[in-house]
Amino acid sequence: MLSIENLSTSYGLIRALKGVSLTAEDGKVTCILGPNGAGKTTLLFTAAGILKPSSGSVKFDGAELAGSSAPRILQQGLALVPENRLVFPQMSVRDNLLAGAYIRHRSEATEIAEDLENMFDRFPVLKEREEQTAGTLSGGEQQMLSVARALMSRPKMLLLDEPSLGLAPLIVDEIFSIIRQMNNDGISILLVEQNAVKALEVADHFYLLDQGKVAFSGTPGEMANDDVIKRAYLGEH
């Protein structure tokens, strides 16, 4: 379980997170919703060790991770899939996937090779593009590659930042189908997403983040009963 308590993170004098507390349970999909500038990406970056908090706690499976390096946090089992994919554009699809296993020991070479084939089985289009440079893939293919690269570290929990961003509706449906399948396979997911309708289709629990604070939390069913939140985040009037 990921447990975040009173987490604050700043960019210089700007406090992006202001005492955020939330939990993401094992085996569940937990969604972070909210408008642009709410602090959603900052939250994931802090949990993943890319940003250092000014105060607060980030515990994963009981181990305190706040302020730890990104590689150590990845070794603990938290893997970030960043917004806008951020694949290595000049590297092949295969080398991008192998880069996802960089924290694993060389003695695991056989297991890494097996995981590589598992990624090709899970994402057949990546097998077709195996030797193609990642920068030439479509947006949807790059998103699949970004997810598969993170899975190569054998994470316990994925931190997914806006996986539907900039993708066509049919591709968005495919990405959320992949999210559901990964969760069915036992991977816990903390999902940041602007598309609240799609996010709530896969969510077990959600938090609304606004101006760096948790404004609301509950289950998707509870959200549907709140008219204010429906108007603000689901576009219903």
Protein backbone atom coordinates (compact mmCIF):
# COMPACT_ATOMS: atom_id res chain seq x y z
CA MET A 1 0.00 0.00 0.00
CA LEU A 2 1.09 3.54 -0.79
CA SER A 3 0.39 5.93 2.07
CA ILE A 4 0.94 9.67 1.69
CA GLU A 5 0.57 11.89 4.75
CA ASN A 6 0.61 15.69 4.94
CA LEU A 7 2.80 15.94 1.84
CA SER A 8 3.97 19.37 0.76
CA THR A 9 6.14 20.11 -2.28
CA SER A 10 7.25 23.50 -3.59
CA TYR A 11 8.71 24.98 -6.74
CA GLY A 12 10.78 27.79 -5.26
CA LEU A 13 8.28 29.98 -3.41
CA ILE A 14 5.26 28.30 -4.98
CA ARG A 15 3.66 25.55 -2.89
CA ALA A 16 2.26 23.04 -5.37
CA LEU A 17 1.19 20.51 -2.74
CA LYS A 18 -0.23 21.72 0.56
CA GLY A 19 -0.49 18.88 3.05
CA VAL A 20 -1.89 16.15 0.79
CA SER A 21 -2.91 12.86 2.44
CA LEU A 22 -4.16 9.80 0.58
CA THR A 23 -3.74 6.05 0.27
CA ALA A 24 -3.58 3.73 -2.74
CA GLU A 25 -4.40 0.18 -1.72
CA ASP A 26 -2.77 -2.98 -3.03
CA GLY A 27 -4.57 -4.55 -5.98
CA LYS A 28 -6.72 -1.46 -6.60
CA VAL A 29 -6.92 1.35 -9.13
CA THR A 30 -6.79 4.68 -7.31
CA CYS A 31 -7.46 7.80 -9.40
CA ILE A 32 -6.35 11.38 -8.84
CA LEU A 33 -8.67 13.81 -10.60
CA GLY A 34 -8.65 17.57 -10.78
CA PRO A 35 -8.18 20.62 -13.01
CA ASN A 36 -4.93 21.74 -14.60
CA GLY A 37 -2.56 23.15 -12.01
CA ALA A 38 -4.13 21.20 -9.15
CA GLY A 39 -0.84 19.47 -8.30
CA LYS A 40 -1.55 16.03 -9.77
CA THR A 41 1.72 15.59 -11.65
CA THR A 42 3.65 17.12 -8.76
CA LEU A 43 2.14 14.46 -6.51
CA LEU A 44 3.32 11.62 -8.76
CA PHE A 45 6.75 13.18 -9.27
CA THR A 46 7.17 13.50 -5.50
CA ALA A 47 6.07 9.91 -4.89
CA ALA A 48 8.49 8.72 -7.59
CA GLY A 49 11.44 10.68 -6.16
CA ILE A 50 11.82 13.11 -9.06
CA LEU A 51 10.83 15.98 -6.78
CA LYS A 52 11.77 16.26 -3.10
CA PRO A 53 9.04 17.16 -0.63
CA SER A 54 9.44 20.04 1.79
CA SER A 55 7.54 18.04 4.42
CA GLY A 56 5.37 15.00 4.89
CA SER A 57 5.60 11.25 4.48
CA VAL A 58 5.50 8.82 1.54
CA LYS A 59 5.38 5.20 2.67
CA PHE A 60 5.19 2.16 0.41
CA ASP A 61 4.68 -1.23 2.00
CA GLY A 62 5.66 0.39 5.30
CA ALA A 63 9.01 1.80 4.09
CA GLU A 64 9.51 5.57 4.24
CA LEU A 65 10.44 6.88 0.78
CA ALA A 66 10.03 10.65 1.14
CA GLY A 67 13.21 12.31 -0.09
CA SER A 68 14.68 9.08 -1.47
CA SER A 69 16.26 8.94 -4.92
CA ALA A 70 14.19 7.89 -7.94
CA PRO A 71 16.27 4.69 -8.50
CA ARG A 72 15.76 3.58 -4.88
CA ILE A 73 12.02 4.18 -5.12
CA LEU A 74 11.91 2.21 -8.36
CA GLN A 75 13.75 -0.62 -6.62
CA GLN A 76 11.08 -0.58 -3.92
CA GLY A 77 8.46 -1.29 -6.59
CA LEU A 78 7.02 2.09 -7.62
CA ALA A 79 7.35 2.77 -11.36
CA LEU A 80 6.31 6.03 -13.06
CA VAL A 81 4.80 6.23 -16.54
CA PRO A 82 5.20 9.96 -17.25
CA GLU A 83 2.89 12.34 -19.06
CA ASN A 84 3.63 12.65 -22.80
CA ARG A 85 5.22 9.17 -22.80
CA LEU A 86 8.86 10.41 -22.83
CA VAL A 87 10.22 7.41 -24.71
CA PHE A 88 13.83 7.55 -25.91
CA PRO A 89 13.09 8.63 -29.51
CA GLN A 90 16.42 7.63 -31.12
CA MET A 91 16.49 4.20 -29.50
CA SER A 92 14.70 1.14 -30.84
CA VAL A 93 11.56 -0.21 -29.24
CA ARG A 94 13.56 -3.16 -27.97
CA ASP A 95 16.25 -0.96 -26.39
CA ASN A 96 13.59 1.24 -24.76
CA LEU A 97 12.16 -1.85 -23.11
CA LEU A 98 15.55 -3.06 -21.96
CA ALA A 99 16.18 0.40 -20.48
CA GLY A 100 13.19 -0.22 -18.23
CA ALA A 101 15.08 -3.10 -16.62
CA TYR A 102 18.21 -1.09 -15.83
CA ILE A 103 17.82 -1.44 -12.05
CA ARG A 104 17.72 -5.23 -12.25
CA HIS A 105 20.84 -7.28 -11.62
CA ARG A 106 22.78 -8.83 -14.49
CA SER A 107 22.17 -12.24 -12.94
CA GLU A 108 18.53 -11.77 -13.99
CA ALA A 109 19.41 -11.82 -17.70
CA THR A 110 17.26 -14.87 -18.37
CA GLU A 111 14.29 -13.40 -16.51
CA ILE A 112 14.73 -10.05 -18.30
CA ALA A 113 14.69 -11.82 -21.67
CA GLU A 114 11.52 -13.64 -20.64
CA ASP A 115 9.90 -10.39 -19.53
CA LEU A 116 10.82 -8.80 -22.85
CA GLU A 117 8.97 -11.56 -24.68
CA ASN A 118 6.06 -11.17 -22.26
CA MET A 119 5.85 -7.47 -23.19
CA PHE A 120 5.77 -8.41 -26.87
CA ASP A 121 2.96 -10.88 -26.11
CA ARG A 122 1.02 -8.25 -24.14
CA PHE A 123 1.61 -5.52 -26.75
CA PRO A 124 1.85 -7.26 -30.16
CA VAL A 125 2.30 -3.96 -32.00
CA LEU A 126 5.60 -3.48 -30.14
CA LYS A 127 6.82 -6.81 -31.45
CA GLU A 128 5.99 -5.64 -34.96
CA ARG A 129 7.99 -2.43 -34.31
CA GLU A 130 10.78 -4.09 -32.32
CA GLU A 131 13.68 -2.60 -34.32
CA GLN A 132 11.92 0.65 -35.19
CA THR A 133 13.06 3.83 -33.44
CA ALA A 134 10.59 4.87 -30.77
CA GLY A 135 10.29 8.41 -32.10
CA THR A 136 8.60 7.11 -35.25
CA LEU A 137 5.77 5.36 -33.38
CA SER A 138 2.27 6.78 -33.18
CA GLY A 139 1.11 8.40 -29.95
CA GLY A 140 -0.80 5.31 -28.90
CA GLU A 141 2.13 3.03 -29.67
CA GLN A 142 4.45 5.28 -27.67
CA GLN A 143 2.04 5.12 -24.73
CA MET A 144 2.06 1.33 -24.88
CA LEU A 145 5.86 1.40 -25.04
CA SER A 146 6.04 3.71 -22.03
CA VAL A 147 3.81 1.38 -20.01
CA ALA A 148 5.71 -1.72 -21.14
CA ARG A 149 9.05 -0.07 -20.30
CA ALA A 150 7.83 0.58 -16.75
CA LEU A 151 6.61 -3.01 -16.43
CA MET A 152 10.11 -4.25 -17.27
CA SER A 153 11.18 -3.19 -13.76
CA ARG A 154 8.62 -5.64 -12.32
CA PRO A 155 6.83 -2.97 -10.25
CA LYS A 156 4.32 -3.58 -7.51
CA MET A 157 2.53 -0.33 -8.35
CA LEU A 158 2.38 1.82 -11.49
CA LEU A 159 2.10 5.60 -11.27
CA LEU A 160 0.32 6.56 -14.51
CA ASP A 161 0.32 10.26 -15.45
CA GLU A 162 -2.35 11.26 -18.01
CA PRO A 163 -2.15 8.11 -20.18
CA SER A 164 -4.95 9.31 -22.48
CA LEU A 165 -3.41 12.72 -23.19
CA GLY A 166 -3.44 13.63 -26.88
CA LEU A 167 -4.78 10.29 -28.07
CA ALA A 168 -7.73 9.58 -30.36
CA PRO A 169 -10.89 8.24 -28.67
CA LEU A 170 -10.45 4.68 -29.99
CA ILE A 171 -6.86 4.59 -28.74
CA VAL A 172 -8.00 5.97 -25.36
CA ASP A 173 -10.43 3.05 -25.10
CA GLU A 174 -7.56 0.65 -25.85
CA ILE A 175 -5.28 2.25 -23.25
CA PHE A 176 -7.95 1.99 -20.55
CA SER A 177 -8.58 -1.62 -21.53
CA ILE A 178 -4.85 -2.22 -20.95
CA ILE A 179 -5.08 -0.49 -17.56
CA ARG A 180 -7.97 -2.73 -16.55
CA GLN A 181 -6.12 -5.85 -17.70
CA MET A 182 -2.93 -4.90 -15.83
CA ASN A 183 -4.96 -4.46 -12.67
CA ASN A 184 -6.66 -7.81 -13.24
CA ASP A 185 -3.16 -9.28 -13.47
CA GLY A 186 -2.42 -8.01 -9.96
CA ILE A 187 -0.69 -4.68 -10.60
CA SER A 188 -1.76 -1.84 -8.30
CA ILE A 189 -2.25 1.48 -10.10
CA LEU A 190 -2.25 5.13 -9.04
CA LEU A 191 -3.74 6.98 -12.00
CA VAL A 192 -3.70 10.71 -12.71
CA GLU A 193 -6.21 11.51 -15.45
CA GLN A 194 -8.11 14.49 -16.86
CA ASN A 195 -10.67 12.24 -18.55
CA ALA A 196 -12.80 11.69 -15.46
CA VAL A 197 -15.43 9.62 -17.25
CA LYS A 198 -12.90 7.03 -18.46
CA ALA A 199 -10.95 7.10 -15.20
CA LEU A 200 -14.05 6.34 -13.13
CA GLU A 201 -14.78 3.31 -15.30
CA VAL A 202 -11.64 1.63 -13.93
CA ALA A 203 -11.32 3.29 -10.51
CA ASP A 204 -11.93 1.58 -7.19
CA HIS A 205 -11.37 4.84 -5.31
CA PHE A 206 -10.66 8.42 -6.31
CA TYR A 207 -9.37 11.68 -4.89
CA LEU A 208 -10.12 15.15 -6.20
CA LEU A 209 -7.12 17.45 -6.00
CA ASP A 210 -7.64 21.19 -6.23
CA GLN A 211 -5.06 23.93 -5.63
CA GLY A 212 -2.66 21.48 -4.03
CA LYS A 213 -5.15 20.00 -1.56
CA VAL A 214 -7.49 17.01 -1.45
CA ALA A 215 -10.95 18.48 -1.97
CA PHE A 216 -12.96 15.25 -2.01
CA SER A 217 -12.46 11.49 -1.90
CA GLY A 218 -14.68 8.49 -2.31
CA THR A 219 -15.85 5.76 -4.65
CA PRO A 220 -17.09 6.42 -8.19
CA GLY A 221 -20.64 5.81 -7.00
CA GLU A 222 -20.30 8.48 -4.34
CA MET A 223 -18.96 10.92 -6.91
CA ALA A 224 -21.96 10.37 -9.17
CA ASN A 225 -24.21 11.53 -6.33
CA ASP A 226 -22.44 14.84 -5.89
CA ASP A 227 -23.96 17.36 -8.31
CA VAL A 228 -21.25 19.96 -7.84
CA ILE A 229 -18.47 17.53 -8.71
CA LYS A 230 -20.47 16.13 -11.63
CA ARG A 231 -20.79 19.60 -13.14
CA ALA A 232 -17.16 20.48 -12.55
CA TYR A 233 -15.47 17.23 -13.61
CA LEU A 234 -17.90 15.21 -15.69
CA GLY A 235 -19.30 18.05 -17.78
CA GLU A 236 -22.87 17.44 -16.64
CA HIS A 237 -25.25 20.36 -16.17
